[in-house]
Protein backbone atom coordinates (compact mmCIF):
# COMPACT_ATOMS: atom_id res chain seq x y z
CA MET A 1 0.00 0.00 0.00
CA ALA A 2 1.39 3.37 -0.96
CA LEU A 3 0.97 6.44 1.17
CA THR A 4 0.40 9.08 -1.45
CA ASN A 5 -0.97 11.92 0.63
CA LYS A 6 2.05 12.95 2.67
CA LYS A 7 0.23 15.83 4.38
CA ILE A 8 -2.36 13.50 5.88
CA ASN A 9 0.37 11.14 7.12
CA LEU A 10 2.31 14.04 8.61
CA LYS A 11 -0.75 15.44 10.37
CA MET A 12 -1.60 12.02 11.81
CA ASN A 13 1.95 11.62 13.16
CA PHE A 14 1.91 15.09 14.71
CA HIS A 15 -1.55 14.48 16.17
CA TYR A 16 -0.32 11.24 17.77
CA ALA A 17 2.82 12.95 19.09
CA ARG A 18 0.80 15.81 20.58
CA LEU A 19 -1.67 13.46 22.23
CA ALA A 20 1.08 11.19 23.53
CA ARG A 21 2.91 14.16 25.08
CA VAL A 22 -0.26 15.23 26.88
CA ILE A 23 -0.83 11.69 28.15
CA ALA A 24 2.78 11.52 29.40
CA LYS A 25 2.33 14.78 31.34
CA VAL A 26 -1.03 13.61 32.74
CA ILE A 27 0.68 10.43 34.00
CA ASP A 28 3.36 12.52 35.72
CA PHE A 29 0.79 14.89 37.19
CA LEU A 30 -1.32 11.98 38.51
CA ILE A 31 1.77 10.50 40.17
CA ALA A 32 2.47 13.84 41.87
CA LEU A 33 -1.18 14.21 42.93
CA PHE A 34 -1.31 10.67 44.31
CA VAL A 35 1.87 11.11 46.35
CA GLY A 36 0.84 14.63 47.36
CA PHE A 37 -2.50 13.65 48.80
CA LEU A 38 -1.39 10.27 50.15
CA LEU A 39 1.42 11.81 52.22
CA PHE A 40 -0.10 15.27 52.78
CA PRO A 41 1.45 17.76 53.64
CA LEU A 42 4.97 16.40 53.01
CA GLY A 43 3.68 14.63 49.89
CA ILE A 44 2.96 17.98 48.23
CA PHE A 45 6.66 18.85 48.42
CA ILE A 46 7.59 15.40 47.11
CA GLY A 47 5.06 15.80 44.28
CA VAL A 48 6.41 19.25 43.39
CA ALA A 49 9.96 17.89 43.42
CA TYR A 50 8.90 15.06 41.11
CA LEU A 51 7.10 17.42 38.72
CA SER A 52 10.03 19.82 38.73
CA PHE A 53 12.92 17.42 38.25
CA ALA A 54 11.39 14.31 36.61
CA ASP A 55 12.52 15.25 33.10
CA GLY A 56 16.13 15.27 34.30
CA LEU A 57 15.91 11.64 35.41
CA SER A 58 17.10 8.66 33.44
CA GLY A 59 18.28 10.26 30.22
CA GLY A 60 15.60 12.94 30.03
CA GLN A 61 12.67 10.69 30.83
CA SER A 62 10.03 11.14 33.49
CA LEU A 63 7.96 8.06 34.22
CA GLY A 64 5.19 9.35 31.93
CA LYS A 65 7.62 9.96 29.07
CA ARG A 66 9.22 6.55 29.58
CA ILE A 67 5.80 4.90 29.31
CA MET A 68 4.90 6.90 26.20
CA GLY A 69 8.33 6.53 24.53
CA PHE A 70 9.66 10.10 24.72
CA ARG A 71 12.59 11.93 26.22
CA VAL A 72 13.51 15.57 26.76
CA ILE A 73 16.65 16.93 25.10
CA LYS A 74 18.45 20.27 25.07
CA LEU A 75 18.16 22.12 21.78
CA LYS A 76 21.79 23.26 21.73
CA ASP A 77 23.44 19.84 21.79
CA ASN A 78 20.67 17.20 21.74
CA LYS A 79 21.86 15.85 25.09
CA ALA A 80 19.41 14.65 27.74
CA CYS A 81 17.65 17.29 29.80
CA SER A 82 19.49 18.31 32.97
CA PHE A 83 17.84 18.80 36.36
CA LYS A 84 18.24 22.57 35.99
CA ARG A 85 16.45 22.64 32.63
CA SER A 86 13.83 20.21 33.93
CA PHE A 87 13.10 22.60 36.79
CA VAL A 88 12.74 25.57 34.42
CA ARG A 89 10.61 23.73 31.84
CA ASN A 90 8.20 22.48 34.49
CA LEU A 91 7.68 25.78 36.36
CA PRO A 92 4.34 26.53 34.66
CA LEU A 93 2.84 23.36 36.18
CA SER A 94 4.79 22.93 39.42
CA ILE A 95 4.09 26.42 40.81
CA PRO A 96 0.29 25.94 40.90
CA PHE A 97 0.80 22.46 42.37
CA MET A 98 2.84 23.98 45.23
CA LEU A 99 -0.20 26.03 46.28
CA PHE A 100 -2.02 22.79 47.09
CA ILE A 101 -0.15 22.76 50.42
CA ILE A 102 -2.58 25.40 51.70
CA PRO A 103 -5.72 23.61 52.94
CA LEU A 104 -8.85 24.41 50.91
CA TRP A 105 -7.76 27.81 49.57
CA GLY A 106 -4.64 26.26 48.09
CA LEU A 107 -6.77 23.92 46.01
CA VAL A 108 -8.85 26.87 44.81
CA LEU A 109 -5.87 29.16 44.09
CA GLY A 110 -3.77 26.36 42.61
CA GLY A 111 -6.64 25.27 40.41
CA LEU A 112 -7.34 28.83 39.27
CA LEU A 113 -3.68 29.27 38.34
CA LEU A 114 -3.28 25.79 36.88
CA LEU A 115 -6.25 25.97 34.50
CA PRO A 116 -5.03 28.90 32.37
CA LEU A 117 -1.41 27.72 32.42
CA ALA A 118 -2.36 24.18 31.42
CA GLY A 119 -4.69 25.64 28.81
CA LEU A 120 -1.83 27.71 27.39
CA GLU A 121 0.45 24.66 27.37
CA LEU A 122 -2.20 22.62 25.51
CA PHE A 123 -2.85 25.45 23.07
CA LEU A 124 0.85 25.70 22.22
CA ILE A 125 1.30 21.93 21.82
CA PHE A 126 -1.74 21.53 19.58
CA ASN A 127 -1.38 24.71 17.52
CA LEU A 128 2.32 25.21 16.88
CA ASP A 129 4.13 23.15 14.26
CA HIS A 130 7.13 22.43 16.47
CA LEU A 131 5.02 20.71 19.20
CA ASN A 132 6.72 22.64 22.01
CA ARG A 133 5.03 24.05 25.05
CA LEU A 134 5.83 27.14 27.11
CA GLY A 135 8.17 25.17 29.37
CA ASP A 136 10.20 24.00 26.36
CA VAL A 137 10.62 27.57 25.16
CA MET A 138 11.67 28.73 28.64
CA ALA A 139 14.26 25.95 29.08
CA GLU A 140 15.35 25.66 25.42
CA THR A 141 14.39 22.00 25.30
CA THR A 142 12.26 19.79 23.12
CA VAL A 143 10.70 16.36 23.40
CA THR A 144 11.71 13.63 20.98
CA ALA A 145 10.55 10.08 20.42
CA ILE A 146 12.87 7.29 21.48
CA ASP A 147 11.67 4.79 18.86
CA PRO A 148 13.82 5.35 15.73
CA GLU A 149 10.88 4.66 13.41
CA VAL A 150 8.77 7.30 15.17
CA GLN A 151 11.71 9.70 15.06
CA LYS A 152 11.90 9.29 11.29
CA SER A 153 8.19 10.06 11.02
CA THR A 154 8.03 13.17 13.17
CA GLN A 155 11.58 14.50 13.42
CA ALA A 156 11.65 18.27 12.95
CA ASN A 157 14.69 20.32 12.16
CA LYS A 158 16.77 20.79 15.33
CA ASP A 159 16.37 24.56 15.16
CA TRP A 160 12.60 24.83 15.72
CA TYR A 161 12.86 28.59 16.01
CA ASN A 162 13.43 28.68 12.25
CA THR A 163 10.03 29.14 10.62
CA LYS A 164 11.32 27.63 7.39
CA SER A 165 12.34 24.35 9.05
CA LEU A 166 11.24 21.24 7.25
CA VAL A 167 9.74 18.15 8.75
CA THR A 168 10.94 14.86 7.39
CA PHE A 169 8.99 11.66 7.39
CA GLN A 170 9.17 8.33 5.71
CA THR A 171 6.65 6.99 3.21
CA TYR A 172 6.20 3.34 2.44
CA GLU A 173 5.42 2.03 -1.00
CA SER A 174 4.58 -1.53 -1.89
């Protein structure tokens, strides 16, 4: 079977990558929530630490990214995300989570802050061609697939700031 419409194939790959990134972050956030509320109040600090530094673990992979087959890399040299960059890239989601330490009002304030920030993150992931969120821009990182076949399908030019960057993907013909 020949894939003749490359644009459809490309959009499907990007749609999968976007959705998989969101699922990976949801997994990480659920882990932090579970630990946070299970071991409250100390668990909130443990959850914030996990959210903040998880992308610096194990070659740029949080548990969610490991499950979904992604890793975070630095744009400058394509090396795995460091703890420092992980902290910076996760600030938009870890700051609201930290407010959960305050009984009742913390949930309200954290939720009110988290909703627009998460909305912005989702908007950027689903509407920009380079699939990066605010945290990636802040830390100069990007998320890449670990599976070489997926990398071939969705690999963007390393310099995603360049608006003329091309996306390469592989087509299969029978």
